[in-house]
Amino acid sequence: MPTTEAKVVAITGASSGIGAATARLLGERGDAVVLAARRTDRLESIVADLREQGGRAIACQVDVTRREDLEHMVERAVAEFGRLDVLVNNAGVGKISAVADLDVDGWTAMIDVNVRGVLNGIAAAMPVFRRQGVGHLVTTVSTSGLKIVPTQSVYAGTKNAVRTIMEGLRQESTDGVLRTTSISPGFVRTEFTEPIDDQAVRDQLSKSMADFGISAESVARAIAFAIDQPHDVEIGDLTIRPTVQG
């Protein structure tokens, strides 16, 4: 059961992995959730499950690279539930490869989704948060930005760009209206490796996930912990990874 009053939470990248686990956890405990992603069939399945349990949930088709999609998502949240308390910027893509492979299209995709997508979410939610006088931005970053390793340099660069943006926003937002939280997961059992073209890199990461990756539900619980704090308490950065991860 929630330890605080039920919230209205919008979650991008909610069709699988961390986003789906977060939507299920928050919805099952009584929060109203807006699930956003491109794959609406998966969203509708989760929404149906939550509603069957008496939860409040809606699905919204969103491509985070399109600012208007995120604006529509926020508008639907307010129209359906009367407000928006939390935006979880979780959508991301990892086109992992060595820089020398020159996967320029992959670089562009990561910049567009991982960086511009977060900024689009901030731009959509901030006016509502300011109007309400309260709001919380939660963003999924990565331990890849904390420990730089081969093949992940561009991906880590996008995640560290977001980490910097979130810290700057935190310092600009000390009037008591906005809280910011950056969650940095390590190896989590998700579909993260599917977009990777390099078979050797994909196999290596998939094996690490299978051998010692933590569940997406573990990260969802960390997100719930951050948003459950009283509004005068901000969990700015939270790192969650397998105990055995180096």
C-alpha atoms as a PDB file:
ATOM      1  CA  MET A   1       0.000   0.000   0.000  1.00  0.00           C
ATOM      2  CA  PRO A   2       1.232   3.547  -0.662  1.00  0.00           C
ATOM      3  CA  THR A   3       2.705   5.466   2.236  1.00  0.00           C
ATOM      4  CA  THR A   4       1.601   8.789   0.774  1.00  0.00           C
ATOM      5  CA  GLU A   5      -1.446  10.193  -0.974  1.00  0.00           C
ATOM      6  CA  ALA A   6      -2.109   8.641  -4.386  1.00  0.00           C
ATOM      7  CA  LYS A   7      -0.419  10.460  -7.262  1.00  0.00           C
ATOM      8  CA  VAL A   8      -0.935  10.874 -10.982  1.00  0.00           C
ATOM      9  CA  VAL A   9       2.150   9.560 -12.749  1.00  0.00           C
ATOM     10  CA  ALA A  10       2.980   9.569 -16.474  1.00  0.00           C
ATOM     11  CA  ILE A  11       5.638   7.101 -17.616  1.00  0.00           C
ATOM     12  CA  THR A  12       7.356   7.043 -20.994  1.00  0.00           C
ATOM     13  CA  GLY A  13       8.818   3.819 -22.340  1.00  0.00           C
ATOM     14  CA  ALA A  14       6.056   2.011 -20.436  1.00  0.00           C
ATOM     15  CA  SER A  15       5.510  -0.870 -22.852  1.00  0.00           C
ATOM     16  CA  SER A  16       8.263  -3.056 -21.386  1.00  0.00           C
ATOM     17  CA  GLY A  17      11.107  -3.294 -18.904  1.00  0.00           C
ATOM     18  CA  ILE A  18      11.499  -0.658 -16.221  1.00  0.00           C
ATOM     19  CA  GLY A  19       8.645   1.483 -17.536  1.00  0.00           C
ATOM     20  CA  ALA A  20       6.132  -1.369 -17.541  1.00  0.00           C
ATOM     21  CA  ALA A  21       7.251  -2.584 -14.113  1.00  0.00           C
ATOM     22  CA  THR A  22       6.925   0.930 -12.704  1.00  0.00           C
ATOM     23  CA  ALA A  23       3.452   1.366 -14.187  1.00  0.00           C
ATOM     24  CA  ARG A  24       2.298  -1.936 -12.727  1.00  0.00           C
ATOM     25  CA  LEU A  25       3.752  -1.252  -9.284  1.00  0.00           C
ATOM     26  CA  LEU A  26       2.349   2.255  -8.999  1.00  0.00           C
ATOM     27  CA  GLY A  27      -0.996   1.313 -10.513  1.00  0.00           C
ATOM     28  CA  GLU A  28      -1.439  -1.687  -8.226  1.00  0.00           C
ATOM     29  CA  ARG A  29      -0.820   0.388  -5.134  1.00  0.00           C
ATOM     30  CA  GLY A  30      -3.379   3.048  -6.052  1.00  0.00           C
ATOM     31  CA  ASP A  31      -1.638   5.711  -8.132  1.00  0.00           C
ATOM     32  CA  ALA A  32      -3.239   6.814 -11.397  1.00  0.00           C
ATOM     33  CA  VAL A  33      -0.867   5.995 -14.238  1.00  0.00           C
ATOM     34  CA  VAL A  34      -0.555   7.223 -17.802  1.00  0.00           C
ATOM     35  CA  LEU A  35       1.397   4.673 -19.827  1.00  0.00           C
ATOM     36  CA  ALA A  36       3.185   6.119 -22.840  1.00  0.00           C
ATOM     37  CA  ALA A  37       5.126   4.373 -25.602  1.00  0.00           C
ATOM     38  CA  ARG A  38       4.994   3.668 -29.313  1.00  0.00           C
ATOM     39  CA  ARG A  39       3.727   0.067 -28.938  1.00  0.00           C
ATOM     40  CA  THR A  40       0.127   0.633 -27.925  1.00  0.00           C
ATOM     41  CA  ASP A  41      -0.817  -3.070 -27.981  1.00  0.00           C
ATOM     42  CA  ARG A  42       1.492  -3.693 -25.027  1.00  0.00           C
ATOM     43  CA  LEU A  43       0.256  -0.583 -23.253  1.00  0.00           C
ATOM     44  CA  GLU A  44      -3.374  -1.606 -23.617  1.00  0.00           C
ATOM     45  CA  SER A  45      -2.617  -5.037 -22.154  1.00  0.00           C
ATOM     46  CA  ILE A  46      -1.072  -3.507 -19.021  1.00  0.00           C
ATOM     47  CA  VAL A  47      -3.903  -0.970 -18.732  1.00  0.00           C
ATOM     48  CA  ALA A  48      -6.475  -3.781 -18.972  1.00  0.00           C
ATOM     49  CA  ASP A  49      -4.704  -5.717 -16.207  1.00  0.00           C
ATOM     50  CA  LEU A  50      -4.607  -2.696 -13.916  1.00  0.00           C
ATOM     51  CA  ARG A  51      -8.242  -1.775 -14.530  1.00  0.00           C
ATOM     52  CA  GLU A  52      -9.285  -5.361 -13.840  1.00  0.00           C
ATOM     53  CA  GLN A  53      -7.718  -4.940 -10.403  1.00  0.00           C
ATOM     54  CA  GLY A  54      -9.600  -1.687  -9.859  1.00  0.00           C
ATOM     55  CA  GLY A  55      -6.712   0.575 -10.837  1.00  0.00           C
ATOM     56  CA  ARG A  56      -6.778   3.849 -12.738  1.00  0.00           C
ATOM     57  CA  ALA A  57      -4.762   3.701 -15.951  1.00  0.00           C
ATOM     58  CA  ILE A  58      -4.807   4.979 -19.508  1.00  0.00           C
ATOM     59  CA  ALA A  59      -2.585   4.354 -22.528  1.00  0.00           C
ATOM     60  CA  CYS A  60      -1.174   7.041 -24.777  1.00  0.00           C
ATOM     61  CA  GLN A  61       0.795   6.479 -27.980  1.00  0.00           C
ATOM     62  CA  VAL A  62       3.938   8.573 -27.694  1.00  0.00           C
ATOM     63  CA  ASP A  63       7.123   8.974 -29.685  1.00  0.00           C
ATOM     64  CA  VAL A  64       9.312  11.016 -27.330  1.00  0.00           C
ATOM     65  CA  THR A  65      11.173  12.596 -30.240  1.00  0.00           C
ATOM     66  CA  ARG A  66       7.892  14.386 -31.086  1.00  0.00           C
ATOM     67  CA  ARG A  67       7.248  17.215 -28.642  1.00  0.00           C
ATOM     68  CA  GLU A  68       3.567  17.317 -29.560  1.00  0.00           C
ATOM     69  CA  ASP A  69       3.145  13.680 -28.490  1.00  0.00           C
ATOM     70  CA  LEU A  70       4.390  14.471 -24.997  1.00  0.00           C
ATOM     71  CA  GLU A  71       2.231  17.581 -24.809  1.00  0.00           C
ATOM     72  CA  HIS A  72      -0.766  15.424 -25.721  1.00  0.00           C
ATOM     73  CA  MET A  73       0.197  12.886 -23.043  1.00  0.00           C
ATOM     74  CA  VAL A  74       0.303  15.594 -20.365  1.00  0.00           C
ATOM     75  CA  GLU A  75      -3.007  17.040 -21.580  1.00  0.00           C
ATOM     76  CA  ARG A  76      -4.639  13.608 -21.355  1.00  0.00           C
ATOM     77  CA  ALA A  77      -3.312  13.071 -17.842  1.00  0.00           C
ATOM     78  CA  VAL A  78      -4.813  16.358 -16.667  1.00  0.00           C
ATOM     79  CA  ALA A  79      -8.079  15.794 -18.548  1.00  0.00           C
ATOM     80  CA  GLU A  80      -8.506  12.269 -17.175  1.00  0.00           C
ATOM     81  CA  PHE A  81      -7.208  12.625 -13.630  1.00  0.00           C
ATOM     82  CA  GLY A  82      -7.243  16.375 -12.950  1.00  0.00           C
ATOM     83  CA  ARG A  83      -3.512  16.897 -12.529  1.00  0.00           C
ATOM     84  CA  LEU A  84      -0.028  15.473 -13.129  1.00  0.00           C
ATOM     85  CA  ASP A  85       2.198  14.913 -10.111  1.00  0.00           C
ATOM     86  CA  VAL A  86       5.128  12.967 -11.584  1.00  0.00           C
ATOM     87  CA  LEU A  87       6.657  12.471 -15.022  1.00  0.00           C
ATOM     88  CA  VAL A  88       8.968   9.471 -15.311  1.00  0.00           C
ATOM     89  CA  ASN A  89      11.168  10.093 -18.369  1.00  0.00           C
ATOM     90  CA  ASN A  90      12.092   6.472 -18.944  1.00  0.00           C
ATOM     91  CA  ALA A  91      12.110   5.966 -22.733  1.00  0.00           C
ATOM     92  CA  GLY A  92      15.577   5.261 -24.046  1.00  0.00           C
ATOM     93  CA  VAL A  93      17.526   3.438 -26.721  1.00  0.00           C
ATOM     94  CA  GLY A  94      20.981   1.877 -26.616  1.00  0.00           C
ATOM     95  CA  LYS A  95      22.553   1.459 -30.041  1.00  0.00           C
ATOM     96  CA  ILE A  96      25.742   0.122 -28.502  1.00  0.00           C
ATOM     97  CA  SER A  97      28.825  -0.098 -30.721  1.00  0.00           C
ATOM     98  CA  ALA A  98      32.423   1.064 -30.950  1.00  0.00           C
ATOM     99  CA  VAL A  99      32.809   4.653 -32.135  1.00  0.00           C
ATOM    100  CA  ALA A 100      35.018   3.371 -34.976  1.00  0.00           C
ATOM    101  CA  ASP A 101      32.015   1.480 -36.369  1.00  0.00           C
ATOM    102  CA  LEU A 102      30.632   4.921 -37.331  1.00  0.00           C
ATOM    103  CA  ASP A 103      27.003   4.050 -36.629  1.00  0.00           C
ATOM    104  CA  VAL A 104      25.951   7.637 -37.247  1.00  0.00           C
ATOM    105  CA  ASP A 105      22.277   6.688 -37.487  1.00  0.00           C
ATOM    106  CA  GLY A 106      22.559   4.950 -34.122  1.00  0.00           C
ATOM    107  CA  TRP A 107      24.199   8.015 -32.584  1.00  0.00           C
ATOM    108  CA  THR A 108      21.400  10.185 -33.916  1.00  0.00           C
ATOM    109  CA  ALA A 109      18.741   7.852 -32.530  1.00  0.00           C
ATOM    110  CA  MET A 110      20.318   7.915 -29.078  1.00  0.00           C
ATOM    111  CA  ILE A 111      20.618  11.696 -29.072  1.00  0.00           C
ATOM    112  CA  ASP A 112      17.038  12.086 -30.279  1.00  0.00           C
ATOM    113  CA  VAL A 113      15.470   9.649 -27.795  1.00  0.00           C
ATOM    114  CA  ASN A 114      17.778   9.780 -24.795  1.00  0.00           C
ATOM    115  CA  VAL A 115      18.428  13.536 -24.739  1.00  0.00           C
ATOM    116  CA  ARG A 116      15.851  15.340 -26.871  1.00  0.00           C
ATOM    117  CA  GLY A 117      13.136  12.993 -25.625  1.00  0.00           C
ATOM    118  CA  VAL A 118      13.856  13.943 -22.017  1.00  0.00           C
ATOM    119  CA  LEU A 119      13.889  17.637 -22.884  1.00  0.00           C
ATOM    120  CA  ASN A 120      10.571  17.250 -24.686  1.00  0.00           C
ATOM    121  CA  GLY A 121       9.129  15.647 -21.575  1.00  0.00           C
ATOM    122  CA  ILE A 122      10.415  18.458 -19.381  1.00  0.00           C
ATOM    123  CA  ALA A 123       8.972  21.055 -21.762  1.00  0.00           C
ATOM    124  CA  ALA A 124       5.569  19.357 -21.703  1.00  0.00           C
ATOM    125  CA  ALA A 125       5.326  18.829 -17.941  1.00  0.00           C
ATOM    126  CA  MET A 126       6.906  21.995 -16.523  1.00  0.00           C
ATOM    127  CA  PRO A 127       4.031  24.388 -17.324  1.00  0.00           C
ATOM    128  CA  VAL A 128       1.596  22.066 -15.530  1.00  0.00           C
ATOM    129  CA  PHE A 129       3.919  21.675 -12.544  1.00  0.00           C
ATOM    130  CA  ARG A 130       4.341  25.446 -12.307  1.00  0.00           C
ATOM    131  CA  ARG A 131       0.615  26.006 -12.566  1.00  0.00           C
ATOM    132  CA  GLN A 132      -0.058  23.451  -9.822  1.00  0.00           C
ATOM    133  CA  GLY A 133       2.788  24.704  -7.650  1.00  0.00           C
ATOM    134  CA  VAL A 134       4.188  21.173  -7.336  1.00  0.00           C
ATOM    135  CA  GLY A 135       5.682  18.475  -9.562  1.00  0.00           C
ATOM    136  CA  HIS A 136       8.373  15.815  -9.793  1.00  0.00           C
ATOM    137  CA  LEU A 137      10.593  14.854 -12.732  1.00  0.00           C
ATOM    138  CA  VAL A 138      12.145  11.385 -12.550  1.00  0.00           C
ATOM    139  CA  THR A 139      14.591  10.365 -15.268  1.00  0.00           C
ATOM    140  CA  THR A 140      16.174   6.990 -15.969  1.00  0.00           C
ATOM    141  CA  VAL A 141      19.885   7.524 -16.554  1.00  0.00           C
ATOM    142  CA  SER A 142      22.421   4.645 -16.363  1.00  0.00           C
ATOM    143  CA  THR A 143      25.511   3.366 -14.592  1.00  0.00           C
ATOM    144  CA  SER A 144      27.066   3.461 -18.078  1.00  0.00           C
ATOM    145  CA  GLY A 145      27.618   7.148 -17.433  1.00  0.00           C
ATOM    146  CA  LEU A 146      29.352   6.435 -14.129  1.00  0.00           C
ATOM    147  CA  LYS A 147      31.789   3.835 -15.449  1.00  0.00           C
ATOM    148  CA  ILE A 148      32.745   4.370 -19.089  1.00  0.00           C
ATOM    149  CA  VAL A 149      33.471   1.138 -20.975  1.00  0.00           C
ATOM    150  CA  PRO A 150      34.256   0.306 -24.623  1.00  0.00           C
ATOM    151  CA  THR A 151      31.292   0.254 -27.055  1.00  0.00           C
ATOM    152  CA  GLN A 152      29.169   2.408 -24.727  1.00  0.00           C
ATOM    153  CA  SER A 153      30.867   5.778 -25.110  1.00  0.00           C
ATOM    154  CA  VAL A 154      28.154   7.525 -27.161  1.00  0.00           C
ATOM    155  CA  TYR A 155      25.354   5.917 -25.150  1.00  0.00           C
ATOM    156  CA  ALA A 156      27.071   6.984 -21.932  1.00  0.00           C
ATOM    157  CA  GLY A 157      27.534  10.454 -23.394  1.00  0.00           C
ATOM    158  CA  THR A 158      23.798  10.833 -23.917  1.00  0.00           C
ATOM    159  CA  LYS A 159      23.085   9.621 -20.393  1.00  0.00           C
ATOM    160  CA  ASN A 160      25.632  11.985 -18.880  1.00  0.00           C
ATOM    161  CA  ALA A 161      24.154  14.843 -20.881  1.00  0.00           C
ATOM    162  CA  VAL A 162      20.832  14.100 -19.196  1.00  0.00           C
ATOM    163  CA  ARG A 163      22.503  13.783 -15.802  1.00  0.00           C
ATOM    164  CA  THR A 164      23.970  17.262 -16.299  1.00  0.00           C
ATOM    165  CA  ILE A 165      20.650  18.718 -17.459  1.00  0.00           C
ATOM    166  CA  MET A 166      18.872  17.283 -14.420  1.00  0.00           C
ATOM    167  CA  GLU A 167      21.454  18.665 -11.997  1.00  0.00           C
ATOM    168  CA  GLY A 168      21.294  22.086 -13.623  1.00  0.00           C
ATOM    169  CA  LEU A 169      17.502  21.998 -13.463  1.00  0.00           C
ATOM    170  CA  ARG A 170      17.673  21.036  -9.799  1.00  0.00           C
ATOM    171  CA  GLN A 171      19.813  24.073  -9.031  1.00  0.00           C
ATOM    172  CA  GLU A 172      17.427  26.299 -10.985  1.00  0.00           C
ATOM    173  CA  SER A 173      14.424  24.915  -9.079  1.00  0.00           C
ATOM    174  CA  THR A 174      14.978  25.656  -5.412  1.00  0.00           C
ATOM    175  CA  ASP A 175      11.694  27.542  -4.984  1.00  0.00           C
ATOM    176  CA  GLY A 176       9.975  24.441  -3.617  1.00  0.00           C
ATOM    177  CA  VAL A 177       7.877  23.676  -6.696  1.00  0.00           C
ATOM    178  CA  LEU A 178       9.896  21.088  -8.594  1.00  0.00           C
ATOM    179  CA  ARG A 179      11.730  17.979  -7.448  1.00  0.00           C
ATOM    180  CA  THR A 180      14.162  16.129  -9.726  1.00  0.00           C
ATOM    181  CA  THR A 181      15.438  12.570  -9.444  1.00  0.00           C
ATOM    182  CA  SER A 182      17.945  10.742 -11.630  1.00  0.00           C
ATOM    183  CA  ILE A 183      17.829   6.938 -11.358  1.00  0.00           C
ATOM    184  CA  SER A 184      20.939   5.107 -12.618  1.00  0.00           C
ATOM    185  CA  PRO A 185      20.286   1.378 -13.086  1.00  0.00           C
ATOM    186  CA  GLY A 186      23.039  -1.114 -13.755  1.00  0.00           C
ATOM    187  CA  PHE A 187      22.389  -4.452 -15.450  1.00  0.00           C
ATOM    188  CA  VAL A 188      18.637  -5.035 -15.487  1.00  0.00           C
ATOM    189  CA  ARG A 189      16.833  -7.915 -17.196  1.00  0.00           C
ATOM    190  CA  THR A 190      15.028  -6.018 -19.980  1.00  0.00           C
ATOM    191  CA  GLU A 191      14.863  -5.857 -23.793  1.00  0.00           C
ATOM    192  CA  PHE A 192      17.721  -3.324 -23.819  1.00  0.00           C
ATOM    193  CA  THR A 193      19.956  -5.450 -26.065  1.00  0.00           C
ATOM    194  CA  GLU A 194      17.426  -5.940 -28.879  1.00  0.00           C
ATOM    195  CA  PRO A 195      18.386  -2.828 -30.939  1.00  0.00           C
ATOM    196  CA  ILE A 196      22.120  -3.660 -30.867  1.00  0.00           C
ATOM    197  CA  ASP A 197      23.371  -4.598 -34.340  1.00  0.00           C
ATOM    198  CA  ASP A 198      26.789  -5.960 -33.334  1.00  0.00           C
ATOM    199  CA  GLN A 199      26.075  -9.625 -32.563  1.00  0.00           C
ATOM    200  CA  ALA A 200      29.132 -10.070 -30.337  1.00  0.00           C
ATOM    201  CA  VAL A 201      28.274  -7.009 -28.241  1.00  0.00           C
ATOM    202  CA  ARG A 202      24.621  -8.057 -28.032  1.00  0.00           C
ATOM    203  CA  ASP A 203      25.541 -11.579 -26.932  1.00  0.00           C
ATOM    204  CA  GLN A 204      27.966 -10.308 -24.295  1.00  0.00           C
ATOM    205  CA  LEU A 205      25.464  -7.883 -22.763  1.00  0.00           C
ATOM    206  CA  SER A 206      22.648 -10.432 -22.935  1.00  0.00           C
ATOM    207  CA  LYS A 207      24.779 -12.950 -21.084  1.00  0.00           C
ATOM    208  CA  SER A 208      25.608 -10.447 -18.348  1.00  0.00           C
ATOM    209  CA  MET A 209      21.909  -9.625 -17.970  1.00  0.00           C
ATOM    210  CA  ALA A 210      21.006 -13.293 -17.740  1.00  0.00           C
ATOM    211  CA  ASP A 211      23.851 -14.147 -15.348  1.00  0.00           C
ATOM    212  CA  PHE A 212      23.411 -11.399 -12.766  1.00  0.00           C
ATOM    213  CA  GLY A 213      20.968  -8.717 -13.930  1.00  0.00           C
ATOM    214  CA  ILE A 214      18.403  -7.532 -11.397  1.00  0.00           C
ATOM    215  CA  SER A 215      14.689  -7.412 -12.127  1.00  0.00           C
ATOM    216  CA  ALA A 216      12.945  -4.373 -13.588  1.00  0.00           C
ATOM    217  CA  GLU A 217      10.727  -4.480 -10.489  1.00  0.00           C
ATOM    218  CA  SER A 218      13.772  -3.639  -8.362  1.00  0.00           C
ATOM    219  CA  VAL A 219      14.195  -0.364 -10.224  1.00  0.00           C
ATOM    220  CA  ALA A 220      10.456   0.295 -10.059  1.00  0.00           C
ATOM    221  CA  ARG A 221      10.621   0.056  -6.264  1.00  0.00           C
ATOM    222  CA  ALA A 222      13.461   2.590  -6.251  1.00  0.00           C
ATOM    223  CA  ILE A 223      11.367   4.996  -8.332  1.00  0.00           C
ATOM    224  CA  ALA A 224       8.434   4.502  -5.960  1.00  0.00           C
ATOM    225  CA  PHE A 225      10.716   5.248  -3.012  1.00  0.00           C
ATOM    226  CA  ALA A 226      11.855   8.525  -4.568  1.00  0.00           C
ATOM    227  CA  ILE A 227       8.369   9.787  -5.349  1.00  0.00           C
ATOM    228  CA  ASP A 228       7.016   8.705  -1.954  1.00  0.00           C
ATOM    229  CA  GLN A 229       9.205  11.161  -0.047  1.00  0.00           C
ATOM    230  CA  PRO A 230       7.560  14.262   1.426  1.00  0.00           C
ATOM    231  CA  HIS A 231       7.714  17.134  -1.025  1.00  0.00           C
ATOM    232  CA  ASP A 232      10.389  18.913   1.013  1.00  0.00           C
ATOM    233  CA  VAL A 233      12.678  15.873   0.540  1.00  0.00           C
ATOM    234  CA  GLU A 234      14.402  15.335  -2.798  1.00  0.00           C
ATOM    235  CA  ILE A 235      16.182  12.118  -3.779  1.00  0.00           C
ATOM    236  CA  GLY A 236      18.442  13.718  -6.349  1.00  0.00           C
ATOM    237  CA  ASP A 237      20.487  10.741  -7.516  1.00  0.00           C
ATOM    238  CA  LEU A 238      19.936   7.060  -6.913  1.00  0.00           C
ATOM    239  CA  THR A 239      22.139   4.264  -8.243  1.00  0.00           C
ATOM    240  CA  ILE A 240      20.744   0.722  -8.266  1.00  0.00           C
ATOM    241  CA  ARG A 241      22.698  -2.224  -9.651  1.00  0.00           C
ATOM    242  CA  PRO A 242      23.432  -5.894  -8.997  1.00  0.00           C
ATOM    243  CA  THR A 243      25.555  -6.496  -5.935  1.00  0.00           C
ATOM    244  CA  VAL A 244      28.137  -8.334  -8.064  1.00  0.00           C
ATOM    245  CA  GLN A 245      28.377  -5.748 -10.848  1.00  0.00           C
ATOM    246  CA  GLY A 246      31.841  -4.262 -11.123  1.00  0.00           C
END
